[in-house]
Amino acid sequence: MNTIGIPSVDLADFLSEDKHRKQKFVDELGHAYEEVGFVAVKNHMLSDELSKRLYEEVKHFFLLSLETKLTYEVPELSGQRGYTSFGKEHAKGRSEGDLKEFWHFGQYVEDNDPIKNQYPDNVDVKELPIFNQSGKEAYQALEKTGQHMLRALAIYLNLDEFYFDDKIHNGNSILRPIHYPAITHEPKSAVRAAEHEDINLITLLMGASAEGLEVLNKKGEWIAVTALPNQLVVNVGDMLQRLTNNKLKSTTHRVVNPPKEKWSEPRFSIPFFLHPRSEMRLDCLPSCITENNPIHYSPISGGEYLNERLREIGLKK
């Protein structure tokens, strides 16, 4: 794994009974998110077996005919669930669509939380009997991992360890399997995913099937990152940067087109975008506002911010 400038942390440290190991994880994670915005995490909740199974199912789905896939595209959902066809999404500030198609698994509300009424149902793929179950299992394993990461960050920010728990319980998180097809002709200016920052609190990325992910470091250099099967790459999103008044860094990243000799290789990637409930306030934490770091953002809720950003990237009109 090329992790130049991408620190590695071990979630087993945080979950151990040893308070020194737990604090070590908190400090390493907090410093990494102040400096780089990305970490590689081992000993998370997603098994290699489940990761491999989901990747197989995802590949089977994207190999279905376009006619079949389009039966799972629901335009009125603005891409929240089911299939989004090739080129529909673009980076903020760009008009050219990214070279990708994707699927969305959304939240599974399994208690009697009335928030269920805010979310559309997940879309079942009838051609693939274990596709949806595999997606649900991975969604919940990554959500649990993200909960622990946010507990560590709460400690780092001098908040109660469980500050985020009720804010992300049944949150509007999305698991997004992405297919970047083989490139068949010279792209004009489009890339697999143009430089951008993620919208959400944190993003957890399962090992991608091909190289291409790059992050921008403080020196303005693009650093290549490939997630290993037994590690997740976890980065800060704009909601967390906003909440912490830029203390934690939402790093610019992109997925570049491969060299010409590798154009025939498709790329598959499955990020989990951990979102809060829509009512969570993203107003800057008072503890992150200082004389040297005055307030950078106006008050807004998670739902308001998400809608604003979905319009900017072309998924919502």
C-alpha atoms as a PDB file:
ATOM      1  CA  MET A   1       0.000   0.000   0.000  1.00  0.00           C
ATOM      2  CA  ASN A   2       1.458   3.331  -1.020  1.00  0.00           C
ATOM      3  CA  THR A   3       0.704   5.382   2.052  1.00  0.00           C
ATOM      4  CA  ILE A   4       3.263   8.148   1.738  1.00  0.00           C
ATOM      5  CA  GLY A   5       1.856  10.737   4.115  1.00  0.00           C
ATOM      6  CA  ILE A   6      -1.149   8.519   4.961  1.00  0.00           C
ATOM      7  CA  PRO A   7      -0.773   7.359   8.589  1.00  0.00           C
ATOM      8  CA  SER A   8      -1.905   3.880   9.628  1.00  0.00           C
ATOM      9  CA  VAL A   9      -3.950   3.277  12.807  1.00  0.00           C
ATOM     10  CA  ASP A  10      -5.163   0.112  14.534  1.00  0.00           C
ATOM     11  CA  LEU A  11      -8.779   0.128  15.706  1.00  0.00           C
ATOM     12  CA  ALA A  12      -7.922  -2.718  18.118  1.00  0.00           C
ATOM     13  CA  ASP A  13      -6.011  -0.104  20.157  1.00  0.00           C
ATOM     14  CA  PHE A  14      -9.164   1.969  20.622  1.00  0.00           C
ATOM     15  CA  LEU A  15     -11.301  -1.056  21.484  1.00  0.00           C
ATOM     16  CA  SER A  16      -8.797  -2.490  23.971  1.00  0.00           C
ATOM     17  CA  GLU A  17      -9.264  -2.261  27.752  1.00  0.00           C
ATOM     18  CA  ASP A  18      -5.881  -0.521  27.979  1.00  0.00           C
ATOM     19  CA  LYS A  19      -6.497   3.221  28.424  1.00  0.00           C
ATOM     20  CA  HIS A  20      -2.993   4.053  27.123  1.00  0.00           C
ATOM     21  CA  ARG A  21      -3.589   2.118  23.871  1.00  0.00           C
ATOM     22  CA  LYS A  22      -6.984   3.779  23.533  1.00  0.00           C
ATOM     23  CA  GLN A  23      -5.488   7.247  24.014  1.00  0.00           C
ATOM     24  CA  LYS A  24      -2.704   6.396  21.548  1.00  0.00           C
ATOM     25  CA  PHE A  25      -5.342   5.692  18.879  1.00  0.00           C
ATOM     26  CA  VAL A  26      -7.219   8.923  19.710  1.00  0.00           C
ATOM     27  CA  ASP A  27      -4.030  10.996  19.428  1.00  0.00           C
ATOM     28  CA  GLU A  28      -2.834   9.309  16.222  1.00  0.00           C
ATOM     29  CA  LEU A  29      -6.220   9.683  14.556  1.00  0.00           C
ATOM     30  CA  GLY A  30      -6.704  13.303  15.614  1.00  0.00           C
ATOM     31  CA  HIS A  31      -3.224  14.360  14.500  1.00  0.00           C
ATOM     32  CA  ALA A  32      -3.633  12.546  11.174  1.00  0.00           C
ATOM     33  CA  TYR A  33      -6.926  14.303  10.529  1.00  0.00           C
ATOM     34  CA  GLU A  34      -5.447  17.688  11.361  1.00  0.00           C
ATOM     35  CA  GLU A  35      -2.443  17.127   9.106  1.00  0.00           C
ATOM     36  CA  VAL A  36      -3.570  14.887   6.225  1.00  0.00           C
ATOM     37  CA  GLY A  37      -7.290  14.166   6.519  1.00  0.00           C
ATOM     38  CA  PHE A  38      -6.789  10.484   5.600  1.00  0.00           C
ATOM     39  CA  VAL A  39      -5.776   7.346   7.544  1.00  0.00           C
ATOM     40  CA  ALA A  40      -5.487   3.628   6.806  1.00  0.00           C
ATOM     41  CA  VAL A  41      -7.319   1.563   9.451  1.00  0.00           C
ATOM     42  CA  LYS A  42      -6.753  -2.082  10.312  1.00  0.00           C
ATOM     43  CA  ASN A  43      -8.773  -4.399  12.594  1.00  0.00           C
ATOM     44  CA  HIS A  44     -12.082  -2.841  11.538  1.00  0.00           C
ATOM     45  CA  MET A  45     -15.504  -4.539  11.472  1.00  0.00           C
ATOM     46  CA  LEU A  46     -15.603  -5.546   7.784  1.00  0.00           C
ATOM     47  CA  SER A  47     -14.311  -9.075   7.145  1.00  0.00           C
ATOM     48  CA  ASP A  48     -12.235  -9.891   4.062  1.00  0.00           C
ATOM     49  CA  GLU A  49     -14.789 -12.573   3.190  1.00  0.00           C
ATOM     50  CA  LEU A  50     -17.672 -10.073   3.141  1.00  0.00           C
ATOM     51  CA  SER A  51     -15.605  -7.521   1.231  1.00  0.00           C
ATOM     52  CA  LYS A  52     -14.750 -10.088  -1.471  1.00  0.00           C
ATOM     53  CA  ARG A  53     -18.353 -11.314  -1.671  1.00  0.00           C
ATOM     54  CA  LEU A  54     -19.717  -7.798  -2.121  1.00  0.00           C
ATOM     55  CA  TYR A  55     -17.127  -6.979  -4.807  1.00  0.00           C
ATOM     56  CA  GLU A  56     -18.160 -10.123  -6.717  1.00  0.00           C
ATOM     57  CA  GLU A  57     -21.840  -9.177  -6.488  1.00  0.00           C
ATOM     58  CA  VAL A  58     -21.100  -5.604  -7.553  1.00  0.00           C
ATOM     59  CA  LYS A  59     -19.165  -6.807 -10.608  1.00  0.00           C
ATOM     60  CA  HIS A  60     -22.089  -9.091 -11.542  1.00  0.00           C
ATOM     61  CA  PHE A  61     -24.489  -6.150 -11.255  1.00  0.00           C
ATOM     62  CA  PHE A  62     -22.503  -3.784 -13.457  1.00  0.00           C
ATOM     63  CA  LEU A  63     -22.099  -6.567 -16.077  1.00  0.00           C
ATOM     64  CA  LEU A  64     -25.893  -6.691 -16.493  1.00  0.00           C
ATOM     65  CA  SER A  65     -27.205  -5.118 -19.691  1.00  0.00           C
ATOM     66  CA  LEU A  66     -27.766  -1.356 -19.640  1.00  0.00           C
ATOM     67  CA  GLU A  67     -31.439  -2.033 -20.345  1.00  0.00           C
ATOM     68  CA  THR A  68     -31.653  -4.132 -17.147  1.00  0.00           C
ATOM     69  CA  LYS A  69     -29.670  -1.644 -15.048  1.00  0.00           C
ATOM     70  CA  LEU A  70     -31.877   1.232 -16.169  1.00  0.00           C
ATOM     71  CA  THR A  71     -34.906  -0.544 -14.685  1.00  0.00           C
ATOM     72  CA  TYR A  72     -33.243   0.145 -11.298  1.00  0.00           C
ATOM     73  CA  GLU A  73     -32.712   3.882 -11.904  1.00  0.00           C
ATOM     74  CA  VAL A  74     -35.371   5.933 -10.093  1.00  0.00           C
ATOM     75  CA  PRO A  75     -35.006   9.573 -11.287  1.00  0.00           C
ATOM     76  CA  GLU A  76     -37.306  11.055  -8.633  1.00  0.00           C
ATOM     77  CA  LEU A  77     -34.943   9.784  -5.884  1.00  0.00           C
ATOM     78  CA  SER A  78     -32.091  12.071  -7.086  1.00  0.00           C
ATOM     79  CA  GLY A  79     -29.710   9.116  -6.944  1.00  0.00           C
ATOM     80  CA  GLN A  80     -30.395   8.383  -3.267  1.00  0.00           C
ATOM     81  CA  ARG A  81     -31.171   4.686  -3.872  1.00  0.00           C
ATOM     82  CA  GLY A  82     -30.609   2.182  -6.639  1.00  0.00           C
ATOM     83  CA  TYR A  83     -28.741   2.799  -9.886  1.00  0.00           C
ATOM     84  CA  THR A  84     -27.263   6.039 -11.276  1.00  0.00           C
ATOM     85  CA  SER A  85     -26.201   5.743 -14.904  1.00  0.00           C
ATOM     86  CA  PHE A  86     -22.894   6.738 -16.490  1.00  0.00           C
ATOM     87  CA  GLY A  87     -21.821  10.396 -16.457  1.00  0.00           C
ATOM     88  CA  LYS A  88     -24.708  11.773 -14.337  1.00  0.00           C
ATOM     89  CA  GLU A  89     -22.570  13.078 -11.451  1.00  0.00           C
ATOM     90  CA  HIS A  90     -19.863  15.711 -11.689  1.00  0.00           C
ATOM     91  CA  ALA A  91     -17.515  17.394  -9.227  1.00  0.00           C
ATOM     92  CA  LYS A  92     -18.522  20.726  -7.671  1.00  0.00           C
ATOM     93  CA  GLY A  93     -17.582  23.540 -10.048  1.00  0.00           C
ATOM     94  CA  ARG A  94     -17.468  21.238 -13.107  1.00  0.00           C
ATOM     95  CA  SER A  95     -20.109  20.496 -15.717  1.00  0.00           C
ATOM     96  CA  GLU A  96     -18.549  17.428 -17.355  1.00  0.00           C
ATOM     97  CA  GLY A  97     -19.802  14.163 -15.864  1.00  0.00           C
ATOM     98  CA  ASP A  98     -17.371  11.775 -14.183  1.00  0.00           C
ATOM     99  CA  LEU A  99     -16.577   8.531 -16.035  1.00  0.00           C
ATOM    100  CA  LYS A 100     -18.555   6.269 -13.711  1.00  0.00           C
ATOM    101  CA  GLU A 101     -21.877   4.602 -12.935  1.00  0.00           C
ATOM    102  CA  PHE A 102     -22.884   3.633  -9.399  1.00  0.00           C
ATOM    103  CA  TRP A 103     -25.398   2.073  -7.019  1.00  0.00           C
ATOM    104  CA  HIS A 104     -26.651   3.331  -3.647  1.00  0.00           C
ATOM    105  CA  PHE A 105     -27.562   1.280  -0.599  1.00  0.00           C
ATOM    106  CA  GLY A 106     -29.164   3.495   2.065  1.00  0.00           C
ATOM    107  CA  GLN A 107     -30.029   3.245   5.753  1.00  0.00           C
ATOM    108  CA  TYR A 108     -31.819   0.208   7.220  1.00  0.00           C
ATOM    109  CA  VAL A 109     -34.117   1.536   9.978  1.00  0.00           C
ATOM    110  CA  GLU A 110     -34.880  -1.573  12.052  1.00  0.00           C
ATOM    111  CA  ASP A 111     -36.267  -0.010  15.221  1.00  0.00           C
ATOM    112  CA  ASN A 112     -39.440   2.096  15.374  1.00  0.00           C
ATOM    113  CA  ASP A 113     -37.627   5.353  14.652  1.00  0.00           C
ATOM    114  CA  PRO A 114     -40.029   7.687  12.782  1.00  0.00           C
ATOM    115  CA  ILE A 115     -37.060   8.854  10.669  1.00  0.00           C
ATOM    116  CA  LYS A 116     -37.803   5.805   8.483  1.00  0.00           C
ATOM    117  CA  ASN A 117     -40.481   7.930   6.799  1.00  0.00           C
ATOM    118  CA  GLN A 118     -37.775  10.339   5.572  1.00  0.00           C
ATOM    119  CA  TYR A 119     -35.875   7.651   3.666  1.00  0.00           C
ATOM    120  CA  PRO A 120     -36.803   5.884   0.434  1.00  0.00           C
ATOM    121  CA  ASP A 121     -36.684   2.087   0.512  1.00  0.00           C
ATOM    122  CA  ASN A 122     -33.642   0.263  -0.790  1.00  0.00           C
ATOM    123  CA  VAL A 123     -34.017  -1.142  -4.300  1.00  0.00           C
ATOM    124  CA  ASP A 124     -33.892  -4.951  -4.690  1.00  0.00           C
ATOM    125  CA  VAL A 125     -32.024  -6.463  -7.635  1.00  0.00           C
ATOM    126  CA  LYS A 126     -34.043  -9.527  -8.562  1.00  0.00           C
ATOM    127  CA  GLU A 127     -31.396 -10.954 -10.928  1.00  0.00           C
ATOM    128  CA  LEU A 128     -28.841 -11.321  -8.101  1.00  0.00           C
ATOM    129  CA  PRO A 129     -30.258 -13.085  -5.017  1.00  0.00           C
ATOM    130  CA  ILE A 130     -27.409 -12.196  -2.580  1.00  0.00           C
ATOM    131  CA  PHE A 131     -26.541  -8.720  -3.905  1.00  0.00           C
ATOM    132  CA  ASN A 132     -28.812  -6.842  -1.507  1.00  0.00           C
ATOM    133  CA  GLN A 133     -27.990  -8.960   1.565  1.00  0.00           C
ATOM    134  CA  SER A 134     -24.254  -8.534   0.943  1.00  0.00           C
ATOM    135  CA  GLY A 135     -24.735  -4.776   0.627  1.00  0.00           C
ATOM    136  CA  LYS A 136     -26.704  -4.608   3.872  1.00  0.00           C
ATOM    137  CA  GLU A 137     -24.087  -6.595   5.825  1.00  0.00           C
ATOM    138  CA  ALA A 138     -21.246  -4.409   4.525  1.00  0.00           C
ATOM    139  CA  TYR A 139     -23.249  -1.221   5.192  1.00  0.00           C
ATOM    140  CA  GLN A 140     -23.791  -2.172   8.831  1.00  0.00           C
ATOM    141  CA  ALA A 141     -20.177  -3.326   9.393  1.00  0.00           C
ATOM    142  CA  LEU A 142     -18.826  -0.057   7.998  1.00  0.00           C
ATOM    143  CA  GLU A 143     -21.368   2.002   9.948  1.00  0.00           C
ATOM    144  CA  LYS A 144     -20.234   0.301  13.181  1.00  0.00           C
ATOM    145  CA  THR A 145     -16.578   0.962  12.317  1.00  0.00           C
ATOM    146  CA  GLY A 146     -17.405   4.603  11.618  1.00  0.00           C
ATOM    147  CA  GLN A 147     -19.172   4.919  14.961  1.00  0.00           C
ATOM    148  CA  HIS A 148     -15.970   3.868  16.759  1.00  0.00           C
ATOM    149  CA  MET A 149     -13.889   6.290  14.672  1.00  0.00           C
ATOM    150  CA  LEU A 150     -16.228   9.154  15.600  1.00  0.00           C
ATOM    151  CA  ARG A 151     -16.100   8.174  19.283  1.00  0.00           C
ATOM    152  CA  ALA A 152     -12.316   8.497  19.124  1.00  0.00           C
ATOM    153  CA  LEU A 153     -12.623  11.883  17.423  1.00  0.00           C
ATOM    154  CA  ALA A 154     -15.117  13.058  20.054  1.00  0.00           C
ATOM    155  CA  ILE A 155     -12.509  12.350  22.742  1.00  0.00           C
ATOM    156  CA  TYR A 156      -9.868  14.146  20.669  1.00  0.00           C
ATOM    157  CA  LEU A 157     -12.163  17.193  20.419  1.00  0.00           C
ATOM    158  CA  ASN A 158     -12.770  17.171  24.219  1.00  0.00           C
ATOM    159  CA  LEU A 159     -16.410  16.175  23.738  1.00  0.00           C
ATOM    160  CA  ASP A 160     -18.206  13.311  25.445  1.00  0.00           C
ATOM    161  CA  GLU A 161     -17.038  10.036  23.852  1.00  0.00           C
ATOM    162  CA  PHE A 162     -20.612   9.287  22.686  1.00  0.00           C
ATOM    163  CA  TYR A 163     -21.330  12.799  21.345  1.00  0.00           C
ATOM    164  CA  PHE A 164     -21.937  11.546  17.801  1.00  0.00           C
ATOM    165  CA  ASP A 165     -23.877   8.362  18.653  1.00  0.00           C
ATOM    166  CA  ASP A 166     -27.420   9.746  18.624  1.00  0.00           C
ATOM    167  CA  LYS A 167     -26.570  12.060  15.712  1.00  0.00           C
ATOM    168  CA  ILE A 168     -25.561   9.176  13.428  1.00  0.00           C
ATOM    169  CA  HIS A 169     -28.080   6.582  14.714  1.00  0.00           C
ATOM    170  CA  ASN A 170     -30.214   5.830  11.628  1.00  0.00           C
ATOM    171  CA  GLY A 171     -28.291   8.587   9.843  1.00  0.00           C
ATOM    172  CA  ASN A 172     -28.558   9.262   6.126  1.00  0.00           C
ATOM    173  CA  SER A 173     -25.439   7.233   5.270  1.00  0.00           C
ATOM    174  CA  ILE A 174     -24.839   5.753   1.821  1.00  0.00           C
ATOM    175  CA  LEU A 175     -22.849   2.718   0.620  1.00  0.00           C
ATOM    176  CA  ARG A 176     -21.864   3.385  -2.980  1.00  0.00           C
ATOM    177  CA  PRO A 177     -20.476   0.642  -5.231  1.00  0.00           C
ATOM    178  CA  ILE A 178     -18.899   2.427  -8.226  1.00  0.00           C
ATOM    179  CA  HIS A 179     -17.923   1.082 -11.636  1.00  0.00           C
ATOM    180  CA  TYR A 180     -15.435   3.058 -13.713  1.00  0.00           C
ATOM    181  CA  PRO A 181     -15.674   1.234 -17.067  1.00  0.00           C
ATOM    182  CA  ALA A 182     -12.754   0.494 -19.373  1.00  0.00           C
ATOM    183  CA  ILE A 183     -11.808   3.621 -21.326  1.00  0.00           C
ATOM    184  CA  THR A 184     -12.396   3.043 -25.031  1.00  0.00           C
ATOM    185  CA  HIS A 185     -11.322   6.381 -26.531  1.00  0.00           C
ATOM    186  CA  GLU A 186      -9.349   9.475 -25.526  1.00  0.00           C
ATOM    187  CA  PRO A 187     -11.462  11.371 -22.944  1.00  0.00           C
ATOM    188  CA  LYS A 188     -11.776  15.068 -23.767  1.00  0.00           C
ATOM    189  CA  SER A 189     -11.330  16.394 -20.265  1.00  0.00           C
ATOM    190  CA  ALA A 190     -13.357  13.997 -18.122  1.00  0.00           C
ATOM    191  CA  VAL A 191     -11.652  11.838 -15.514  1.00  0.00           C
ATOM    192  CA  ARG A 192     -12.951   8.901 -13.518  1.00  0.00           C
ATOM    193  CA  ALA A 193     -13.674  11.269 -10.612  1.00  0.00           C
ATOM    194  CA  ALA A 194     -12.535  14.898 -10.713  1.00  0.00           C
ATOM    195  CA  GLU A 195     -10.846  16.477  -7.680  1.00  0.00           C
ATOM    196  CA  HIS A 196     -13.345  16.953  -4.878  1.00  0.00           C
ATOM    197  CA  GLU A 197     -13.966  16.782  -1.146  1.00  0.00           C
ATOM    198  CA  ASP A 198     -16.593  14.457   0.324  1.00  0.00           C
ATOM    199  CA  ILE A 199     -19.819  15.976   1.677  1.00  0.00           C
ATOM    200  CA  ASN A 200     -20.343  13.787   4.764  1.00  0.00           C
ATOM    201  CA  LEU A 201     -18.747  13.370   8.229  1.00  0.00           C
ATOM    202  CA  ILE A 202     -16.274  10.601   7.329  1.00  0.00           C
ATOM    203  CA  THR A 203     -15.840   8.237   4.362  1.00  0.00           C
ATOM    204  CA  LEU A 204     -14.730   4.613   4.773  1.00  0.00           C
ATOM    205  CA  LEU A 205     -13.278   3.071   1.601  1.00  0.00           C
ATOM    206  CA  MET A 206     -12.989  -0.673   1.071  1.00  0.00           C
ATOM    207  CA  GLY A 207      -9.999  -1.851  -0.994  1.00  0.00           C
ATOM    208  CA  ALA A 208     -10.498  -0.676  -4.601  1.00  0.00           C
ATOM    209  CA  SER A 209      -9.894  -3.096  -7.468  1.00  0.00           C
ATOM    210  CA  ALA A 210      -7.422  -0.894  -9.341  1.00  0.00           C
ATOM    211  CA  GLU A 211      -5.133   2.018  -8.704  1.00  0.00           C
ATOM    212  CA  GLY A 212      -6.229   5.588  -9.339  1.00  0.00           C
ATOM    213  CA  LEU A 213      -7.082   7.245  -5.992  1.00  0.00           C
ATOM    214  CA  GLU A 214      -4.867  10.246  -5.258  1.00  0.00           C
ATOM    215  CA  VAL A 215      -4.948  12.735  -2.382  1.00  0.00           C
ATOM    216  CA  LEU A 216      -3.577  16.278  -2.335  1.00  0.00           C
ATOM    217  CA  ASN A 217      -1.050  16.939   0.433  1.00  0.00           C
ATOM    218  CA  LYS A 218      -0.199  20.250   2.085  1.00  0.00           C
ATOM    219  CA  LYS A 219       2.650  20.843  -0.389  1.00  0.00           C
ATOM    220  CA  GLY A 220       0.194  20.658  -3.290  1.00  0.00           C
ATOM    221  CA  GLU A 221       1.444  17.228  -4.412  1.00  0.00           C
ATOM    222  CA  TRP A 222      -0.863  14.408  -5.506  1.00  0.00           C
ATOM    223  CA  ILE A 223      -0.110  11.190  -3.556  1.00  0.00           C
ATOM    224  CA  ALA A 224      -1.333   7.810  -4.840  1.00  0.00           C
ATOM    225  CA  VAL A 225      -3.209   5.603  -2.355  1.00  0.00           C
ATOM    226  CA  THR A 226      -4.393   2.019  -2.799  1.00  0.00           C
ATOM    227  CA  ALA A 227      -6.373   0.368   0.000  1.00  0.00           C
ATOM    228  CA  LEU A 228      -5.257  -3.146   0.895  1.00  0.00           C
ATOM    229  CA  PRO A 229      -7.924  -5.836   1.368  1.00  0.00           C
ATOM    230  CA  ASN A 230      -7.391  -5.879   5.148  1.00  0.00           C
ATOM    231  CA  GLN A 231      -7.423  -2.106   5.614  1.00  0.00           C
ATOM    232  CA  LEU A 232      -9.894   0.697   5.113  1.00  0.00           C
ATOM    233  CA  VAL A 233      -8.920   4.178   4.013  1.00  0.00           C
ATOM    234  CA  VAL A 234     -10.955   6.630   6.119  1.00  0.00           C
ATOM    235  CA  ASN A 235     -11.077  10.350   5.406  1.00  0.00           C
ATOM    236  CA  VAL A 236     -12.675  13.479   6.826  1.00  0.00           C
ATOM    237  CA  GLY A 237     -15.615  14.954   4.915  1.00  0.00           C
ATOM    238  CA  ASP A 238     -16.770  18.547   4.659  1.00  0.00           C
ATOM    239  CA  MET A 239     -19.440  18.184   7.380  1.00  0.00           C
ATOM    240  CA  LEU A 240     -16.788  17.275   9.959  1.00  0.00           C
ATOM    241  CA  GLN A 241     -14.444  20.001   8.713  1.00  0.00           C
ATOM    242  CA  ARG A 242     -17.302  22.480   9.056  1.00  0.00           C
ATOM    243  CA  LEU A 243     -18.303  21.253  12.530  1.00  0.00           C
ATOM    244  CA  THR A 244     -14.689  21.569  13.732  1.00  0.00           C
ATOM    245  CA  ASN A 245     -14.182  24.995  12.100  1.00  0.00           C
ATOM    246  CA  ASN A 246     -11.368  23.626   9.861  1.00  0.00           C
ATOM    247  CA  LYS A 247      -9.497  21.971  12.756  1.00  0.00           C
ATOM    248  CA  LEU A 248      -9.961  18.604  11.038  1.00  0.00           C
ATOM    249  CA  LYS A 249      -9.100  18.640   7.352  1.00  0.00           C
ATOM    250  CA  SER A 250     -11.374  17.504   4.504  1.00  0.00           C
ATOM    251  CA  THR A 251      -8.730  16.617   1.953  1.00  0.00           C
ATOM    252  CA  THR A 252      -9.096  17.084  -1.787  1.00  0.00           C
ATOM    253  CA  HIS A 253      -8.869  13.782  -3.670  1.00  0.00           C
ATOM    254  CA  ARG A 254      -9.563  12.396  -7.141  1.00  0.00           C
ATOM    255  CA  VAL A 255      -9.592   9.200  -9.196  1.00  0.00           C
ATOM    256  CA  VAL A 256      -7.332   9.650 -12.214  1.00  0.00           C
ATOM    257  CA  ASN A 257      -7.545   7.847 -15.531  1.00  0.00           C
ATOM    258  CA  PRO A 258      -4.989   5.024 -15.785  1.00  0.00           C
ATOM    259  CA  PRO A 259      -2.054   5.103 -18.228  1.00  0.00           C
ATOM    260  CA  LYS A 260      -3.107   4.202 -21.773  1.00  0.00           C
ATOM    261  CA  GLU A 261      -1.835   0.620 -21.537  1.00  0.00           C
ATOM    262  CA  LYS A 262      -4.322   0.037 -18.690  1.00  0.00           C
ATOM    263  CA  TRP A 263      -7.358   1.657 -20.318  1.00  0.00           C
ATOM    264  CA  SER A 264      -8.913  -1.773 -20.840  1.00  0.00           C
ATOM    265  CA  GLU A 265      -9.048  -2.383 -17.061  1.00  0.00           C
ATOM    266  CA  PRO A 266     -12.285  -1.311 -15.353  1.00  0.00           C
ATOM    267  CA  ARG A 267     -12.099  -0.049 -11.779  1.00  0.00           C
ATOM    268  CA  PHE A 268     -14.490  -0.933  -8.967  1.00  0.00           C
ATOM    269  CA  SER A 269     -14.634   0.968  -5.693  1.00  0.00           C
ATOM    270  CA  ILE A 270     -17.036   0.845  -2.713  1.00  0.00           C
ATOM    271  CA  PRO A 271     -16.967   3.897  -0.412  1.00  0.00           C
ATOM    272  CA  PHE A 272     -19.262   4.249   2.605  1.00  0.00           C
ATOM    273  CA  PHE A 273     -20.304   7.859   3.181  1.00  0.00           C
ATOM    274  CA  LEU A 274     -21.205   8.230   6.847  1.00  0.00           C
ATOM    275  CA  HIS A 275     -23.856  10.938   7.204  1.00  0.00           C
ATOM    276  CA  PRO A 276     -25.663  12.200  10.293  1.00  0.00           C
ATOM    277  CA  ARG A 277     -29.405  12.522  10.706  1.00  0.00           C
ATOM    278  CA  SER A 278     -30.700  15.559   8.819  1.00  0.00           C
ATOM    279  CA  GLU A 279     -31.440  17.491  12.024  1.00  0.00           C
ATOM    280  CA  MET A 280     -27.836  17.371  13.299  1.00  0.00           C
ATOM    281  CA  ARG A 281     -26.444  20.889  13.592  1.00  0.00           C
ATOM    282  CA  LEU A 282     -23.147  21.523  11.818  1.00  0.00           C
ATOM    283  CA  ASP A 283     -22.624  24.865  13.578  1.00  0.00           C
ATOM    284  CA  CYS A 284     -18.938  25.228  14.481  1.00  0.00           C
ATOM    285  CA  LEU A 285     -18.104  23.747  17.898  1.00  0.00           C
ATOM    286  CA  PRO A 286     -17.328  26.551  20.383  1.00  0.00           C
ATOM    287  CA  SER A 287     -14.140  24.711  21.443  1.00  0.00           C
ATOM    288  CA  CYS A 288     -12.846  24.960  17.850  1.00  0.00           C
ATOM    289  CA  ILE A 289     -13.319  28.740  17.629  1.00  0.00           C
ATOM    290  CA  THR A 290     -10.309  30.708  18.876  1.00  0.00           C
ATOM    291  CA  GLU A 291      -8.662  34.073  18.335  1.00  0.00           C
ATOM    292  CA  ASN A 292      -6.267  32.421  15.860  1.00  0.00           C
ATOM    293  CA  ASN A 293      -9.078  30.402  14.227  1.00  0.00           C
ATOM    294  CA  PRO A 294     -12.149  32.659  14.042  1.00  0.00           C
ATOM    295  CA  ILE A 295     -15.468  31.203  12.896  1.00  0.00           C
ATOM    296  CA  HIS A 296     -15.427  30.222   9.190  1.00  0.00           C
ATOM    297  CA  TYR A 297     -18.982  28.985   8.590  1.00  0.00           C
ATOM    298  CA  SER A 298     -22.557  30.114   9.129  1.00  0.00           C
ATOM    299  CA  PRO A 299     -24.968  27.850  11.060  1.00  0.00           C
ATOM    300  CA  ILE A 300     -26.624  25.048   9.033  1.00  0.00           C
ATOM    301  CA  SER A 301     -28.162  21.610   9.572  1.00  0.00           C
ATOM    302  CA  GLY A 302     -26.848  18.384   8.056  1.00  0.00           C
ATOM    303  CA  GLY A 303     -29.937  18.057   5.843  1.00  0.00           C
ATOM    304  CA  GLU A 304     -29.735  21.630   4.531  1.00  0.00           C
ATOM    305  CA  TYR A 305     -26.047  21.245   3.753  1.00  0.00           C
ATOM    306  CA  LEU A 306     -26.545  17.898   1.994  1.00  0.00           C
ATOM    307  CA  ASN A 307     -29.284  19.285  -0.269  1.00  0.00           C
ATOM    308  CA  GLU A 308     -27.121  22.283  -1.153  1.00  0.00           C
ATOM    309  CA  ARG A 309     -24.229  20.013  -2.150  1.00  0.00           C
ATOM    310  CA  LEU A 310     -26.358  17.501  -4.089  1.00  0.00           C
ATOM    311  CA  ARG A 311     -27.519  20.374  -6.288  1.00  0.00           C
ATOM    312  CA  GLU A 312     -23.908  21.466  -6.845  1.00  0.00           C
ATOM    313  CA  ILE A 313     -22.839  18.020  -8.098  1.00  0.00           C
ATOM    314  CA  GLY A 314     -25.815  17.545 -10.413  1.00  0.00           C
ATOM    315  CA  LEU A 315     -27.738  14.844  -8.532  1.00  0.00           C
ATOM    316  CA  LYS A 316     -30.535  17.165  -7.426  1.00  0.00           C
ATOM    317  CA  LYS A 317     -32.277  19.849  -9.459  1.00  0.00           C
END
